[in-house]
Amino acid sequence: MKWLVVAGLMCFSTALGQTGKLLTLEDALAIGRTQSRLLQVSAAKADAASARADEVGTLLLPSLKLEGIYRRLSDVDPFQVSVPFSPQPIVISPTILNNYNVRVGLQQ
């Protein structure tokens, strides 16, 4: 008897706890899309494949690179060699204080 009362109360409480909300087809599909892990994984795989296809497409385009460098070197005496037949020493490596380097590259 006691079990009958408990079972009746449980059925009665669950019946009262349910609400009568109606779902449209669009709402049910939206809930299914947001809650389904399998659909989310499939969508992520499709996005990754699309990104790889875009990456391969960009490799067909030419690439232009421009690089510029400026260096200020320290003041070092030039490397000179004195020879007996010349009154002035011969400069082998002159002092160059400003060093510029510009590089342009085009790759297809």
Protein backbone atom coordinates (compact mmCIF):
# COMPACT_ATOMS: atom_id res chain seq x y z
CA MET A 1 0.00 0.00 0.00
CA LYS A 2 2.80 2.32 0.90
CA TRP A 3 4.46 1.69 -2.46
CA LEU A 4 1.29 2.47 -4.27
CA VAL A 5 1.02 5.88 -2.62
CA VAL A 6 4.68 6.69 -3.40
CA ALA A 7 4.29 5.62 -7.03
CA GLY A 8 1.11 7.66 -7.35
CA LEU A 9 2.79 10.76 -5.93
CA MET A 10 5.75 10.37 -8.28
CA CYS A 11 3.50 10.09 -11.31
CA PHE A 12 1.42 13.03 -10.16
CA SER A 13 4.50 15.24 -9.53
CA THR A 14 6.05 14.45 -12.91
CA ALA A 15 2.75 15.17 -14.64
CA LEU A 16 2.56 18.58 -12.94
CA GLY A 17 6.19 19.40 -13.74
CA GLN A 18 5.74 19.08 -17.48
CA THR A 19 4.86 22.16 -19.47
CA GLY A 20 3.01 22.15 -22.74
CA LYS A 21 5.53 24.00 -24.92
CA LEU A 22 5.09 23.43 -28.64
CA LEU A 23 8.13 23.33 -30.88
CA THR A 24 8.07 24.29 -34.49
CA LEU A 25 10.13 22.32 -36.99
CA GLU A 26 12.64 25.17 -37.31
CA ASP A 27 13.08 25.35 -33.53
CA ALA A 28 13.61 21.61 -33.28
CA LEU A 29 16.20 21.68 -36.08
CA ALA A 30 18.02 24.63 -34.49
CA ILE A 31 18.15 22.85 -31.13
CA GLY A 32 19.37 19.69 -32.84
CA ARG A 33 22.15 21.57 -34.65
CA THR A 34 23.38 23.29 -31.51
CA GLN A 35 23.22 20.18 -29.31
CA SER A 36 24.60 17.57 -31.72
CA ARG A 37 28.35 17.05 -31.29
CA LEU A 38 28.51 15.01 -34.48
CA LEU A 39 27.08 17.90 -36.52
CA GLN A 40 29.51 20.34 -34.89
CA VAL A 41 32.47 18.08 -35.71
CA SER A 42 31.26 17.72 -39.30
CA ALA A 43 30.88 21.50 -39.64
CA ALA A 44 34.40 22.03 -38.26
CA LYS A 45 35.81 19.50 -40.74
CA ALA A 46 34.02 21.26 -43.60
CA ASP A 47 35.42 24.63 -42.48
CA ALA A 48 38.94 23.16 -42.27
CA ALA A 49 38.66 21.68 -45.77
CA SER A 50 37.47 25.03 -47.12
CA ALA A 51 40.39 26.81 -45.46
CA ARG A 52 42.87 24.32 -46.97
CA ALA A 53 41.34 24.85 -50.41
CA ASP A 54 41.73 28.61 -50.01
CA GLU A 55 45.35 28.11 -48.89
CA VAL A 56 46.14 26.03 -51.98
CA GLY A 57 44.51 28.68 -54.14
CA THR A 58 46.71 31.42 -52.68
CA LEU A 59 49.86 29.42 -53.45
CA LEU A 60 49.12 29.92 -57.15
CA LEU A 61 49.43 33.70 -56.76
CA PRO A 62 52.82 35.44 -57.05
CA SER A 63 54.61 36.53 -53.89
CA LEU A 64 56.46 39.85 -53.72
CA LYS A 65 58.95 40.51 -50.94
CA LEU A 66 60.74 43.77 -50.23
CA GLU A 67 63.49 44.05 -47.64
CA GLY A 68 65.59 47.04 -46.68
CA ILE A 69 68.45 47.23 -44.18
CA TYR A 70 70.55 50.15 -42.95
CA ARG A 71 73.62 49.72 -40.77
CA ARG A 72 75.86 52.35 -39.25
CA LEU A 73 79.29 50.82 -38.80
CA SER A 74 81.95 51.93 -36.34
CA ASP A 75 84.75 54.20 -37.47
CA VAL A 76 87.75 51.94 -38.09
CA ASP A 77 90.94 53.06 -39.76
CA PRO A 78 91.17 51.75 -43.33
CA PHE A 79 93.44 48.79 -44.02
CA GLN A 80 96.53 50.14 -45.78
CA VAL A 81 99.69 48.58 -47.09
CA SER A 82 102.93 50.53 -47.50
CA VAL A 83 105.08 49.50 -50.44
CA PRO A 84 108.57 50.82 -51.06
CA PHE A 85 107.95 52.01 -54.64
CA SER A 86 104.87 54.13 -53.78
CA PRO A 87 105.08 57.31 -51.70
CA GLN A 88 101.52 56.83 -50.42
CA PRO A 89 100.18 53.65 -48.81
CA ILE A 90 97.76 51.55 -50.86
CA VAL A 91 94.28 51.35 -49.33
CA ILE A 92 93.01 47.77 -49.49
CA SER A 93 89.77 48.18 -47.51
CA PRO A 94 88.40 51.73 -47.14
CA THR A 95 86.25 52.80 -44.21
CA ILE A 96 82.54 52.64 -45.11
CA LEU A 97 80.37 53.96 -42.31
CA ASN A 98 76.91 53.72 -43.87
CA ASN A 99 75.83 50.36 -45.22
CA TYR A 100 72.59 50.08 -47.23
CA ASN A 101 71.05 46.86 -48.51
CA VAL A 102 67.81 46.64 -50.50
CA ARG A 103 66.41 43.35 -51.78
CA VAL A 104 63.33 42.74 -53.92
CA GLY A 105 62.09 39.24 -54.67
CA LEU A 106 59.26 37.94 -56.82
CA GLN A 107 58.27 34.28 -56.56
CA GLN A 108 55.68 32.36 -58.52
